[in-house]
Structure formats: structure tokens, C-alpha cells
C-alpha atoms as a PDB file:
ATOM      1  CA  UNK A   1      64.819 -17.719   6.513  1.00  0.00           C
ATOM      2  CA  UNK A   2      66.375 -14.904   4.542  1.00  0.00           C
ATOM      3  CA  UNK A   3      65.657 -11.191   4.320  1.00  0.00           C
ATOM      4  CA  UNK A   4      63.093 -10.309   1.638  1.00  0.00           C
ATOM      5  CA  UNK A   5      64.539  -9.061  -1.635  1.00  0.00           C
ATOM      6  CA  UNK A   6      62.358  -5.962  -1.703  1.00  0.00           C
ATOM      7  CA  UNK A   7      59.974  -4.405   0.811  1.00  0.00           C
ATOM      8  CA  UNK A   8      56.946  -2.385  -0.253  1.00  0.00           C
ATOM      9  CA  UNK A   9      54.865  -0.568   2.353  1.00  0.00           C
ATOM     10  CA  UNK A  10      51.178  -0.468   1.423  1.00  0.00           C
ATOM     11  CA  UNK A  11      48.047   1.144   2.833  1.00  0.00           C
ATOM     12  CA  UNK A  12      45.576  -1.616   1.890  1.00  0.00           C
ATOM     13  CA  UNK A  13      45.619  -5.259   3.076  1.00  0.00           C
ATOM     14  CA  UNK A  14      44.894  -6.660  -0.418  1.00  0.00           C
ATOM     15  CA  UNK A  15      47.710  -6.170  -2.915  1.00  0.00           C
ATOM     16  CA  UNK A  16      48.616  -7.350  -6.407  1.00  0.00           C
ATOM     17  CA  UNK A  17      52.111  -8.360  -7.469  1.00  0.00           C
ATOM     18  CA  UNK A  18      53.376  -9.043 -10.983  1.00  0.00           C
ATOM     19  CA  UNK A  19      57.070  -8.836 -10.147  1.00  0.00           C
ATOM     20  CA  UNK A  20      57.700  -6.084 -12.671  1.00  0.00           C
ATOM     21  CA  UNK A  21      55.522  -3.111 -11.831  1.00  0.00           C
ATOM     22  CA  UNK A  22      58.513  -0.804 -11.404  1.00  0.00           C
ATOM     23  CA  UNK A  23      60.861  -2.406 -13.949  1.00  0.00           C
ATOM     24  CA  UNK A  24      61.244  -0.644 -17.316  1.00  0.00           C
ATOM     25  CA  UNK A  25      59.927  -3.049 -19.927  1.00  0.00           C
ATOM     26  CA  UNK A  26      57.345  -4.265 -17.453  1.00  0.00           C
ATOM     27  CA  UNK A  27      55.322  -7.443 -17.498  1.00  0.00           C
ATOM     28  CA  UNK A  28      57.512  -9.413 -19.902  1.00  0.00           C
ATOM     29  CA  UNK A  29      60.189  -9.473 -17.199  1.00  0.00           C
ATOM     30  CA  UNK A  30      57.906 -10.295 -14.267  1.00  0.00           C
ATOM     31  CA  UNK A  31      55.576 -13.136 -13.314  1.00  0.00           C
ATOM     32  CA  UNK A  32      51.822 -13.768 -13.517  1.00  0.00           C
ATOM     33  CA  UNK A  33      49.830 -11.228 -11.494  1.00  0.00           C
ATOM     34  CA  UNK A  34      48.808 -12.634  -8.130  1.00  0.00           C
ATOM     35  CA  UNK A  35      46.591 -11.110  -5.462  1.00  0.00           C
ATOM     36  CA  UNK A  36      47.841 -11.354  -1.886  1.00  0.00           C
ATOM     37  CA  UNK A  37      46.026 -10.723   1.389  1.00  0.00           C
ATOM     38  CA  UNK A  38      47.883  -9.321   4.385  1.00  0.00           C
ATOM     39  CA  UNK A  39      46.637 -10.945   7.594  1.00  0.00           C
ATOM     40  CA  UNK A  40      47.044 -10.132  11.300  1.00  0.00           C
ATOM     41  CA  UNK A  41      50.829 -10.637  11.026  1.00  0.00           C
ATOM     42  CA  UNK A  42      50.899  -7.357   9.070  1.00  0.00           C
ATOM     43  CA  UNK A  43      52.817  -8.577   6.015  1.00  0.00           C
ATOM     44  CA  UNK A  44      52.806 -11.057   3.150  1.00  0.00           C
ATOM     45  CA  UNK A  45      55.527 -12.276   0.770  1.00  0.00           C
ATOM     46  CA  UNK A  46      54.983 -12.924  -2.926  1.00  0.00           C
ATOM     47  CA  UNK A  47      55.573 -16.605  -3.633  1.00  0.00           C
ATOM     48  CA  UNK A  48      57.070 -15.810  -7.040  1.00  0.00           C
ATOM     49  CA  UNK A  49      59.517 -12.967  -6.463  1.00  0.00           C
ATOM     50  CA  UNK A  50      59.797 -12.774  -2.635  1.00  0.00           C
ATOM     51  CA  UNK A  51      58.740  -9.115  -2.573  1.00  0.00           C
ATOM     52  CA  UNK A  52      57.397  -8.364   0.900  1.00  0.00           C
ATOM     53  CA  UNK A  53      54.327  -6.176   1.337  1.00  0.00           C
ATOM     54  CA  UNK A  54      54.054  -4.573   4.776  1.00  0.00           C
ATOM     55  CA  UNK A  55      50.817  -2.931   5.879  1.00  0.00           C
ATOM     56  CA  UNK A  56      51.445   0.626   7.071  1.00  0.00           C
ATOM     57  CA  UNK A  57      50.509   0.754  10.756  1.00  0.00           C
ATOM     58  CA  UNK A  58      50.225  -3.057  10.915  1.00  0.00           C
ATOM     59  CA  UNK A  59      51.946  -5.469  13.273  1.00  0.00           C
ATOM     60  CA  UNK A  60      55.106  -5.737  11.117  1.00  0.00           C
ATOM     61  CA  UNK A  61      55.460  -2.049  10.271  1.00  0.00           C
ATOM     62  CA  UNK A  62      58.660  -0.650  11.768  1.00  0.00           C
ATOM     63  CA  UNK A  63      60.093  -4.076  12.673  1.00  0.00           C
ATOM     64  CA  UNK A  64      63.401  -5.425  11.403  1.00  0.00           C
ATOM     65  CA  UNK A  65      62.092  -7.380   8.411  1.00  0.00           C
ATOM     66  CA  UNK A  66      65.102  -9.715   8.361  1.00  0.00           C
ATOM     67  CA  UNK A  67      63.962 -11.169  11.705  1.00  0.00           C
ATOM     68  CA  UNK A  68      60.473 -12.088  10.455  1.00  0.00           C
ATOM     69  CA  UNK A  69      59.867 -15.510   8.872  1.00  0.00           C
ATOM     70  CA  UNK A  70      58.778 -15.945   5.264  1.00  0.00           C
ATOM     71  CA  UNK A  71      55.024 -15.508   4.989  1.00  0.00           C
ATOM     72  CA  UNK A  72      54.025 -16.441   1.431  1.00  0.00           C
ATOM     73  CA  UNK A  73      50.336 -17.119   1.892  1.00  0.00           C
ATOM     74  CA  UNK A  74      49.108 -14.294   4.108  1.00  0.00           C
ATOM     75  CA  UNK A  75      45.561 -15.062   5.115  1.00  0.00           C
ATOM     76  CA  UNK A  76      45.283 -17.862   2.537  1.00  0.00           C
ATOM     77  CA  UNK A  77      42.465 -16.648   0.332  1.00  0.00           C
END
């Protein structure tokens, strides 16, 4: 277990990650776009880049993210 590289708080439980949405130069530096579903744990980690998406108001919101285990599959679509 390691702390996530980047944490993004989101308002919807279904999120897309391409690993480069906020990098100048964009998609060429990222990974294939994947759709992730946040489940009752309140967060999901991207399996490519380890970015963590935390649902605002969800179970993981406001917690110390470094204490939570990796959660790469969310609700497993």
C-alpha cells in the first residue's frame, strides 16, 4: 500500500481517466481512456496511473487517503 500519486475529488460516481487531462500536450503523454465506477467505499484508483478519484460526500471524503488501501476496480463494471 502506498499513498495515491494524485487525488481528484469528483461529484459523480462514474469518472473517466486518460492520465493526461491536465498535462500540457495532453493525450500523447497519458494512457488509454478508461471509465471507472466509484462504489460504496467512496473512491476508486486508476489502474494505469494510480490517480485516486474520491466522491465528494462519500465514505472516503475527508479521510487520510494514505491509510486507505489501493482500490483499482471500484464496483467492477
